[in-house]
């Protein structure tokens, strides 16, 4: 499976969407490398960054689903390097 590494930046302005956002992130959990969240109390928002290694269409689908939630904005930055995940390479050499 050809994958890319990307970072999805998420701004949460509506806390009512947080539960749905977490459900969506859980669906894509096998692709997520890490997650960092910061509350910005002065502005009443939350900032989250998601590092992900997945096929480009999976990354785009995740970002799109999150961006459709009320009060949530996303922006994705893709790496230029593509490759296969280590698990995929192990499967090809097994046997």
PDB file of N, CA and C in Angstrom:
ATOM      1  N   UNK A   1       0.856  -1.181   0.000  1.00  0.00           N
ATOM      2  CA  UNK A   1       0.000   0.000   0.000  1.00  0.00           C
ATOM      3  C   UNK A   1       0.900   1.242   0.000  1.00  0.00           C
ATOM      4  N   UNK A   2       0.748   2.080  -1.005  1.00  0.00           N
ATOM      5  CA  UNK A   2       1.510   3.326  -1.116  1.00  0.00           C
ATOM      6  C   UNK A   2       0.947   4.358  -0.135  1.00  0.00           C
ATOM      7  N   UNK A   3       1.795   4.906   0.707  1.00  0.00           N
ATOM      8  CA  UNK A   3       1.328   5.845   1.721  1.00  0.00           C
ATOM      9  C   UNK A   3       2.124   7.141   1.662  1.00  0.00           C
ATOM     10  N   UNK A   4       1.574   8.146   2.310  1.00  0.00           N
ATOM     11  CA  UNK A   4       2.258   9.433   2.494  1.00  0.00           C
ATOM     12  C   UNK A   4       2.120   9.828   3.949  1.00  0.00           C
ATOM     13  N   UNK A   5       3.083  10.587   4.401  1.00  0.00           N
ATOM     14  CA  UNK A   5       3.006  11.152   5.744  1.00  0.00           C
ATOM     15  C   UNK A   5       2.429  12.546   5.614  1.00  0.00           C
ATOM     16  N   UNK A   6       1.517  12.883   6.515  1.00  0.00           N
ATOM     17  CA  UNK A   6       0.881  14.196   6.479  1.00  0.00           C
ATOM     18  C   UNK A   6       0.599  14.661   7.901  1.00  0.00           C
ATOM     19  N   UNK A   7       0.331  15.944   8.010  1.00  0.00           N
ATOM     20  CA  UNK A   7      -0.112  16.535   9.266  1.00  0.00           C
ATOM     21  C   UNK A   7      -1.450  17.210   8.987  1.00  0.00           C
ATOM     22  N   UNK A   8      -2.439  16.878   9.809  1.00  0.00           N
ATOM     23  CA  UNK A   8      -3.748  17.525   9.704  1.00  0.00           C
ATOM     24  C   UNK A   8      -3.859  18.486  10.882  1.00  0.00           C
ATOM     25  N   UNK A   9      -3.983  19.765  10.582  1.00  0.00           N
ATOM     26  CA  UNK A   9      -4.205  20.781  11.607  1.00  0.00           C
ATOM     27  C   UNK A   9      -5.700  20.972  11.796  1.00  0.00           C
ATOM     28  N   UNK A  10      -6.143  20.962  13.043  1.00  0.00           N
ATOM     29  CA  UNK A  10      -7.575  21.062  13.353  1.00  0.00           C
ATOM     30  C   UNK A  10      -7.793  22.207  14.336  1.00  0.00           C
ATOM     31  N   UNK A  11      -8.732  23.078  14.034  1.00  0.00           N
ATOM     32  CA  UNK A  11      -9.153  24.139  14.951  1.00  0.00           C
ATOM     33  C   UNK A  11     -10.590  23.840  15.356  1.00  0.00           C
ATOM     34  N   UNK A  12     -10.818  23.760  16.668  1.00  0.00           N
ATOM     35  CA  UNK A  12     -12.154  23.466  17.181  1.00  0.00           C
ATOM     36  C   UNK A  12     -12.719  24.725  17.828  1.00  0.00           C
ATOM     37  N   UNK A  13     -13.794  25.231  17.256  1.00  0.00           N
ATOM     38  CA  UNK A  13     -14.478  26.409  17.798  1.00  0.00           C
ATOM     39  C   UNK A  13     -15.812  26.048  18.440  1.00  0.00           C
ATOM     40  N   UNK A  14     -16.278  24.818  18.211  1.00  0.00           N
ATOM     41  CA  UNK A  14     -17.551  24.355  18.750  1.00  0.00           C
ATOM     42  C   UNK A  14     -17.315  23.053  19.501  1.00  0.00           C
ATOM     43  N   UNK A  15     -17.317  23.114  20.825  1.00  0.00           N
ATOM     44  CA  UNK A  15     -17.017  21.924  21.623  1.00  0.00           C
ATOM     45  C   UNK A  15     -18.055  20.826  21.475  1.00  0.00           C
ATOM     46  N   UNK A  16     -19.242  21.151  20.981  1.00  0.00           N
ATOM     47  CA  UNK A  16     -20.267  20.137  20.782  1.00  0.00           C
ATOM     48  C   UNK A  16     -19.868  19.117  19.710  1.00  0.00           C
ATOM     49  N   UNK A  17     -18.904  19.460  18.864  1.00  0.00           N
ATOM     50  CA  UNK A  17     -18.462  18.559  17.803  1.00  0.00           C
ATOM     51  C   UNK A  17     -17.303  17.657  18.240  1.00  0.00           C
ATOM     52  N   UNK A  18     -16.803  17.836  19.437  1.00  0.00           N
ATOM     53  CA  UNK A  18     -15.617  17.095  19.877  1.00  0.00           C
ATOM     54  C   UNK A  18     -15.872  15.594  19.936  1.00  0.00           C
ATOM     55  N   UNK A  19     -17.028  15.170  20.440  1.00  0.00           N
ATOM     56  CA  UNK A  19     -17.304  13.737  20.541  1.00  0.00           C
ATOM     57  C   UNK A  19     -17.319  13.085  19.164  1.00  0.00           C
ATOM     58  N   UNK A  20     -17.960  13.725  18.209  1.00  0.00           N
ATOM     59  CA  UNK A  20     -18.014  13.174  16.850  1.00  0.00           C
ATOM     60  C   UNK A  20     -16.618  13.168  16.232  1.00  0.00           C
ATOM     61  N   UNK A  21     -15.844  14.224  16.473  1.00  0.00           N
ATOM     62  CA  UNK A  21     -14.478  14.279  15.951  1.00  0.00           C
ATOM     63  C   UNK A  21     -13.654  13.116  16.493  1.00  0.00           C
ATOM     64  N   UNK A  22     -13.764  12.854  17.802  1.00  0.00           N
ATOM     65  CA  UNK A  22     -13.012  11.753  18.399  1.00  0.00           C
ATOM     66  C   UNK A  22     -13.453  10.400  17.851  1.00  0.00           C
ATOM     67  N   UNK A  23     -14.741  10.248  17.563  1.00  0.00           N
ATOM     68  CA  UNK A  23     -15.225   9.010  16.942  1.00  0.00           C
ATOM     69  C   UNK A  23     -14.590   8.804  15.565  1.00  0.00           C
ATOM     70  N   UNK A  24     -14.525   9.874  14.789  1.00  0.00           N
ATOM     71  CA  UNK A  24     -13.923   9.798  13.455  1.00  0.00           C
ATOM     72  C   UNK A  24     -12.435   9.474  13.566  1.00  0.00           C
ATOM     73  N   UNK A  25     -11.729  10.134  14.463  1.00  0.00           N
ATOM     74  CA  UNK A  25     -10.302   9.860  14.646  1.00  0.00           C
ATOM     75  C   UNK A  25     -10.083   8.408  15.064  1.00  0.00           C
ATOM     76  N   UNK A  26     -10.966   7.876  15.897  1.00  0.00           N
ATOM     77  CA  UNK A  26     -10.856   6.484  16.316  1.00  0.00           C
ATOM     78  C   UNK A  26     -10.985   5.533  15.117  1.00  0.00           C
ATOM     79  N   UNK A  27     -11.884   5.859  14.179  1.00  0.00           N
ATOM     80  CA  UNK A  27     -12.049   5.047  12.970  1.00  0.00           C
ATOM     81  C   UNK A  27     -10.753   4.942  12.171  1.00  0.00           C
ATOM     82  N   UNK A  28      -9.958   6.001  12.186  1.00  0.00           N
ATOM     83  CA  UNK A  28      -8.727   6.067  11.407  1.00  0.00           C
ATOM     84  C   UNK A  28      -7.490   5.795  12.266  1.00  0.00           C
ATOM     85  N   UNK A  29      -7.700   5.276  13.465  1.00  0.00           N
ATOM     86  CA  UNK A  29      -6.622   5.094  14.433  1.00  0.00           C
ATOM     87  C   UNK A  29      -5.431   4.299  13.945  1.00  0.00           C
ATOM     88  N   UNK A  30      -5.648   3.312  13.075  1.00  0.00           N
ATOM     89  CA  UNK A  30      -4.528   2.485  12.621  1.00  0.00           C
ATOM     90  C   UNK A  30      -3.549   3.263  11.745  1.00  0.00           C
ATOM     91  N   UNK A  31      -3.963   4.412  11.233  1.00  0.00           N
ATOM     92  CA  UNK A  31      -3.089   5.237  10.392  1.00  0.00           C
ATOM     93  C   UNK A  31      -2.416   6.368  11.169  1.00  0.00           C
ATOM     94  N   UNK A  32      -2.936   6.687  12.342  1.00  0.00           N
ATOM     95  CA  UNK A  32      -2.453   7.859  13.085  1.00  0.00           C
ATOM     96  C   UNK A  32      -1.154   7.541  13.799  1.00  0.00           C
ATOM     97  N   UNK A  33      -0.135   8.361  13.561  1.00  0.00           N
ATOM     98  CA  UNK A  33       1.166   8.216  14.205  1.00  0.00           C
ATOM     99  C   UNK A  33       1.126   8.853  15.589  1.00  0.00           C
ATOM    100  N   UNK A  34       0.537  10.040  15.679  1.00  0.00           N
ATOM    101  CA  UNK A  34       0.468  10.740  16.954  1.00  0.00           C
ATOM    102  C   UNK A  34      -0.487  11.914  16.876  1.00  0.00           C
ATOM    103  N   UNK A  35      -0.797  12.426  18.051  1.00  0.00           N
ATOM    104  CA  UNK A  35      -1.775  13.515  18.168  1.00  0.00           C
ATOM    105  C   UNK A  35      -1.326  14.451  19.280  1.00  0.00           C
ATOM    106  N   UNK A  36      -1.444  15.747  19.021  1.00  0.00           N
ATOM    107  CA  UNK A  36      -1.128  16.740  20.041  1.00  0.00           C
ATOM    108  C   UNK A  36      -2.264  17.749  20.086  1.00  0.00           C
ATOM    109  N   UNK A  37      -2.759  18.020  21.280  1.00  0.00           N
ATOM    110  CA  UNK A  37      -3.845  18.973  21.434  1.00  0.00           C
ATOM    111  C   UNK A  37      -3.479  20.066  22.418  1.00  0.00           C
ATOM    112  N   UNK A  38      -3.885  21.280  22.091  1.00  0.00           N
ATOM    113  CA  UNK A  38      -3.609  22.436  22.935  1.00  0.00           C
ATOM    114  C   UNK A  38      -4.879  23.253  23.129  1.00  0.00           C
ATOM    115  N   UNK A  39      -5.282  23.465  24.368  1.00  0.00           N
ATOM    116  CA  UNK A  39      -6.405  24.376  24.580  1.00  0.00           C
ATOM    117  C   UNK A  39      -5.892  25.813  24.530  1.00  0.00           C
ATOM    118  N   UNK A  40      -6.600  26.667  23.834  1.00  0.00           N
ATOM    119  CA  UNK A  40      -6.252  28.091  23.793  1.00  0.00           C
ATOM    120  C   UNK A  40      -7.382  28.814  24.505  1.00  0.00           C
ATOM    121  N   UNK A  41      -7.295  28.812  25.813  1.00  0.00           N
ATOM    122  CA  UNK A  41      -8.396  29.304  26.652  1.00  0.00           C
ATOM    123  C   UNK A  41      -8.728  30.772  26.407  1.00  0.00           C
ATOM    124  N   UNK A  42      -7.727  31.593  26.125  1.00  0.00           N
ATOM    125  CA  UNK A  42      -7.973  33.021  25.889  1.00  0.00           C
ATOM    126  C   UNK A  42      -8.930  33.251  24.723  1.00  0.00           C
ATOM    127  N   UNK A  43      -8.863  32.376  23.734  1.00  0.00           N
ATOM    128  CA  UNK A  43      -9.722  32.516  22.551  1.00  0.00           C
ATOM    129  C   UNK A  43     -10.911  31.563  22.579  1.00  0.00           C
ATOM    130  N   UNK A  44     -10.928  30.635  23.539  1.00  0.00           N
ATOM    131  CA  UNK A  44     -12.026  29.678  23.630  1.00  0.00           C
ATOM    132  C   UNK A  44     -12.020  28.638  22.528  1.00  0.00           C
ATOM    133  N   UNK A  45     -10.828  28.290  22.035  1.00  0.00           N
ATOM    134  CA  UNK A  45     -10.715  27.281  20.975  1.00  0.00           C
ATOM    135  C   UNK A  45      -9.719  26.205  21.404  1.00  0.00           C
ATOM    136  N   UNK A  46      -9.680  25.137  20.630  1.00  0.00           N
ATOM    137  CA  UNK A  46      -8.703  24.068  20.834  1.00  0.00           C
ATOM    138  C   UNK A  46      -7.985  23.844  19.513  1.00  0.00           C
ATOM    139  N   UNK A  47      -6.690  23.571  19.600  1.00  0.00           N
ATOM    140  CA  UNK A  47      -5.864  23.344  18.419  1.00  0.00           C
ATOM    141  C   UNK A  47      -5.303  21.931  18.524  1.00  0.00           C
ATOM    142  N   UNK A  48      -5.524  21.143  17.490  1.00  0.00           N
ATOM    143  CA  UNK A  48      -5.049  19.756  17.482  1.00  0.00           C
ATOM    144  C   UNK A  48      -4.259  19.527  16.194  1.00  0.00           C
ATOM    145  N   UNK A  49      -3.157  18.796  16.319  1.00  0.00           N
ATOM    146  CA  UNK A  49      -2.441  18.358  15.129  1.00  0.00           C
ATOM    147  C   UNK A  49      -2.363  16.838  15.149  1.00  0.00           C
ATOM    148  N   UNK A  50      -2.598  16.249  13.999  1.00  0.00           N
ATOM    149  CA  UNK A  50      -2.596  14.801  13.826  1.00  0.00           C
ATOM    150  C   UNK A  50      -1.503  14.460  12.814  1.00  0.00           C
ATOM    151  N   UNK A  51      -0.557  13.617  13.211  1.00  0.00           N
ATOM    152  CA  UNK A  51       0.436  13.085  12.272  1.00  0.00           C
ATOM    153  C   UNK A  51      -0.095  11.742  11.788  1.00  0.00           C
ATOM    154  N   UNK A  52      -0.085  11.530  10.472  1.00  0.00           N
ATOM    155  CA  UNK A  52      -0.716  10.345   9.893  1.00  0.00           C
ATOM    156  C   UNK A  52       0.142   9.782   8.760  1.00  0.00           C
ATOM    157  N   UNK A  53       0.149   8.473   8.631  1.00  0.00           N
ATOM    158  CA  UNK A  53       0.832   7.779   7.535  1.00  0.00           C
ATOM    159  C   UNK A  53      -0.209   6.860   6.902  1.00  0.00           C
ATOM    160  N   UNK A  54      -0.702   7.247   5.728  1.00  0.00           N
ATOM    161  CA  UNK A  54      -1.811   6.529   5.098  1.00  0.00           C
ATOM    162  C   UNK A  54      -1.824   6.837   3.604  1.00  0.00           C
ATOM    163  N   UNK A  55      -2.600   6.078   2.832  1.00  0.00           N
ATOM    164  CA  UNK A  55      -2.793   6.444   1.427  1.00  0.00           C
ATOM    165  C   UNK A  55      -3.396   7.849   1.337  1.00  0.00           C
ATOM    166  N   UNK A  56      -3.053   8.561   0.273  1.00  0.00           N
ATOM    167  CA  UNK A  56      -3.509   9.943   0.136  1.00  0.00           C
ATOM    168  C   UNK A  56      -5.024  10.057   0.195  1.00  0.00           C
ATOM    169  N   UNK A  57      -5.747   9.117  -0.404  1.00  0.00           N
ATOM    170  CA  UNK A  57      -7.214   9.211  -0.378  1.00  0.00           C
ATOM    171  C   UNK A  57      -7.773   9.025   1.028  1.00  0.00           C
ATOM    172  N   UNK A  58      -7.110   8.233   1.861  1.00  0.00           N
ATOM    173  CA  UNK A  58      -7.544   8.047   3.249  1.00  0.00           C
ATOM    174  C   UNK A  58      -7.322   9.339   4.043  1.00  0.00           C
ATOM    175  N   UNK A  59      -6.176   9.965   3.830  1.00  0.00           N
ATOM    176  CA  UNK A  59      -5.875  11.230   4.521  1.00  0.00           C
ATOM    177  C   UNK A  59      -6.886  12.295   4.122  1.00  0.00           C
ATOM    178  N   UNK A  60      -7.155  12.393   2.830  1.00  0.00           N
ATOM    179  CA  UNK A  60      -8.123  13.387   2.348  1.00  0.00           C
ATOM    180  C   UNK A  60      -9.520  13.120   2.882  1.00  0.00           C
ATOM    181  N   UNK A  61      -9.908  11.846   2.942  1.00  0.00           N
ATOM    182  CA  UNK A  61     -11.236  11.496   3.464  1.00  0.00           C
ATOM    183  C   UNK A  61     -11.355  11.881   4.939  1.00  0.00           C
ATOM    184  N   UNK A  62     -10.314  11.596   5.728  1.00  0.00           N
ATOM    185  CA  UNK A  62     -10.326  11.952   7.146  1.00  0.00           C
ATOM    186  C   UNK A  62     -10.433  13.461   7.318  1.00  0.00           C
ATOM    187  N   UNK A  63      -9.606  14.201   6.620  1.00  0.00           N
ATOM    188  CA  UNK A  63      -9.633  15.659   6.726  1.00  0.00           C
ATOM    189  C   UNK A  63     -10.987  16.215   6.302  1.00  0.00           C
ATOM    190  N   UNK A  64     -11.552  15.656   5.242  1.00  0.00           N
ATOM    191  CA  UNK A  64     -12.862  16.112   4.768  1.00  0.00           C
ATOM    192  C   UNK A  64     -13.972  15.840   5.764  1.00  0.00           C
ATOM    193  N   UNK A  65     -13.975  14.646   6.355  1.00  0.00           N
ATOM    194  CA  UNK A  65     -15.006  14.312   7.349  1.00  0.00           C
ATOM    195  C   UNK A  65     -14.915  15.243   8.556  1.00  0.00           C
ATOM    196  N   UNK A  66     -13.688  15.503   9.004  1.00  0.00           N
ATOM    197  CA  UNK A  66     -13.514  16.393  10.153  1.00  0.00           C
ATOM    198  C   UNK A  66     -13.949  17.814   9.815  1.00  0.00           C
ATOM    199  N   UNK A  67     -13.586  18.287   8.643  1.00  0.00           N
ATOM    200  CA  UNK A  67     -13.906  19.649   8.227  1.00  0.00           C
ATOM    201  C   UNK A  67     -15.385  19.903   8.022  1.00  0.00           C
ATOM    202  N   UNK A  68     -16.177  18.835   7.841  1.00  0.00           N
ATOM    203  CA  UNK A  68     -17.627  18.986   7.671  1.00  0.00           C
ATOM    204  C   UNK A  68     -18.363  19.138   8.999  1.00  0.00           C
ATOM    205  N   UNK A  69     -17.678  18.850  10.101  1.00  0.00           N
ATOM    206  CA  UNK A  69     -18.319  18.979  11.409  1.00  0.00           C
ATOM    207  C   UNK A  69     -18.518  20.453  11.753  1.00  0.00           C
ATOM    208  N   UNK A  70     -19.622  20.795  12.388  1.00  0.00           N
ATOM    209  CA  UNK A  70     -19.871  22.198  12.747  1.00  0.00           C
ATOM    210  C   UNK A  70     -18.808  22.739  13.701  1.00  0.00           C
ATOM    211  N   UNK A  71     -18.252  23.887  13.356  1.00  0.00           N
ATOM    212  CA  UNK A  71     -17.282  24.547  14.224  1.00  0.00           C
ATOM    213  C   UNK A  71     -15.902  23.941  14.200  1.00  0.00           C
ATOM    214  N   UNK A  72     -15.603  23.102  13.198  1.00  0.00           N
ATOM    215  CA  UNK A  72     -14.274  22.508  13.072  1.00  0.00           C
ATOM    216  C   UNK A  72     -13.705  22.854  11.705  1.00  0.00           C
ATOM    217  N   UNK A  73     -12.467  23.342  11.709  1.00  0.00           N
ATOM    218  CA  UNK A  73     -11.751  23.666  10.474  1.00  0.00           C
ATOM    219  C   UNK A  73     -10.508  22.795  10.400  1.00  0.00           C
ATOM    220  N   UNK A  74     -10.157  22.340   9.196  1.00  0.00           N
ATOM    221  CA  UNK A  74      -8.954  21.528   9.026  1.00  0.00           C
ATOM    222  C   UNK A  74      -8.123  22.032   7.860  1.00  0.00           C
ATOM    223  N   UNK A  75      -6.847  21.720   7.925  1.00  0.00           N
ATOM    224  CA  UNK A  75      -5.929  21.986   6.824  1.00  0.00           C
ATOM    225  C   UNK A  75      -4.893  20.873   6.854  1.00  0.00           C
ATOM    226  N   UNK A  76      -4.557  20.338   5.696  1.00  0.00           N
ATOM    227  CA  UNK A  76      -3.639  19.210   5.623  1.00  0.00           C
ATOM    228  C   UNK A  76      -2.382  19.594   4.854  1.00  0.00           C
ATOM    229  N   UNK A  77      -1.230  19.180   5.390  1.00  0.00           N
ATOM    230  CA  UNK A  77       0.054  19.346   4.720  1.00  0.00           C
ATOM    231  C   UNK A  77       0.631  17.956   4.465  1.00  0.00           C
ATOM    232  N   UNK A  78       0.912  17.649   3.191  1.00  0.00           N
ATOM    233  CA  UNK A  78       1.437  16.346   2.799  1.00  0.00           C
ATOM    234  C   UNK A  78       2.949  16.395   2.617  1.00  0.00           C
ATOM    235  N   UNK A  79       3.618  15.297   2.961  1.00  0.00           N
ATOM    236  CA  UNK A  79       5.031  15.160   2.622  1.00  0.00           C
ATOM    237  C   UNK A  79       5.124  14.867   1.118  1.00  0.00           C
ATOM    238  N   UNK A  80       6.267  15.117   0.548  1.00  0.00           N
ATOM    239  CA  UNK A  80       6.457  14.819  -0.873  1.00  0.00           C
ATOM    240  C   UNK A  80       6.918  13.384  -1.090  1.00  0.00           C
ATOM    241  N   UNK A  81       7.330  12.728  -0.020  1.00  0.00           N
ATOM    242  CA  UNK A  81       7.850  11.373  -0.110  1.00  0.00           C
ATOM    243  C   UNK A  81       6.710  10.366   0.022  1.00  0.00           C
ATOM    244  N   UNK A  82       6.701   9.368  -0.870  1.00  0.00           N
ATOM    245  CA  UNK A  82       5.733   8.283  -0.767  1.00  0.00           C
ATOM    246  C   UNK A  82       6.504   6.999  -0.502  1.00  0.00           C
ATOM    247  N   UNK A  83       5.821   6.015  -0.023  1.00  0.00           N
ATOM    248  CA  UNK A  83       6.465   4.730   0.237  1.00  0.00           C
ATOM    249  C   UNK A  83       5.469   3.755   0.795  1.00  0.00           C
ATOM    250  N   UNK A  84       5.974   2.608   1.161  1.00  0.00           N
ATOM    251  CA  UNK A  84       5.136   1.587   1.759  1.00  0.00           C
ATOM    252  C   UNK A  84       5.385   1.566   3.251  1.00  0.00           C
ATOM    253  N   UNK A  85       4.335   1.269   4.008  1.00  0.00           N
ATOM    254  CA  UNK A  85       4.486   1.119   5.445  1.00  0.00           C
ATOM    255  C   UNK A  85       5.283  -0.150   5.728  1.00  0.00           C
ATOM    256  N   UNK A  86       6.021  -0.161   6.811  1.00  0.00           N
ATOM    257  CA  UNK A  86       6.880  -1.287   7.152  1.00  0.00           C
ATOM    258  C   UNK A  86       6.113  -2.607   7.202  1.00  0.00           C
ATOM    259  N   UNK A  87       4.904  -2.603   7.766  1.00  0.00           N
ATOM    260  CA  UNK A  87       4.125  -3.836   7.850  1.00  0.00           C
ATOM    261  C   UNK A  87       3.893  -4.433   6.466  1.00  0.00           C
ATOM    262  N   UNK A  88       3.678  -3.564   5.448  1.00  0.00           N
ATOM    263  CA  UNK A  88       3.427  -4.032   4.099  1.00  0.00           C
ATOM    264  C   UNK A  88       4.672  -4.707   3.533  1.00  0.00           C
ATOM    265  N   UNK A  89       5.840  -4.127   3.795  1.00  0.00           N
ATOM    266  CA  UNK A  89       7.088  -4.716   3.316  1.00  0.00           C
ATOM    267  C   UNK A  89       7.323  -6.056   3.984  1.00  0.00           C
ATOM    268  N   UNK A  90       7.000  -6.196   5.256  1.00  0.00           N
ATOM    269  CA  UNK A  90       7.173  -7.456   5.969  1.00  0.00           C
ATOM    270  C   UNK A  90       6.286  -8.537   5.361  1.00  0.00           C
ATOM    271  N   UNK A  91       5.055  -8.187   4.976  1.00  0.00           N
ATOM    272  CA  UNK A  91       4.145  -9.157   4.387  1.00  0.00           C
ATOM    273  C   UNK A  91       4.677  -9.708   3.062  1.00  0.00           C
ATOM    274  N   UNK A  92       5.334  -8.848   2.271  1.00  0.00           N
ATOM    275  CA  UNK A  92       5.836  -9.257   0.967  1.00  0.00           C
ATOM    276  C   UNK A  92       7.015 -10.206   1.088  1.00  0.00           C
ATOM    277  N   UNK A  93       7.806 -10.080   2.155  1.00  0.00           N
ATOM    278  CA  UNK A  93       8.995 -10.916   2.308  1.00  0.00           C
ATOM    279  C   UNK A  93       8.715 -12.180   3.098  1.00  0.00           C
ATOM    280  N   UNK A  94       7.548 -12.253   3.724  1.00  0.00           N
ATOM    281  CA  UNK A  94       7.205 -13.445   4.519  1.00  0.00           C
ATOM    282  C   UNK A  94       6.913 -14.612   3.586  1.00  0.00           C
ATOM    283  N   UNK A  95       7.273 -15.820   4.035  1.00  0.00           N
ATOM    284  CA  UNK A  95       6.805 -16.952   3.292  1.00  0.00           C
ATOM    285  C   UNK A  95       7.838 -17.797   2.753  1.00  0.00           C
TER     286      UNK A  95
END
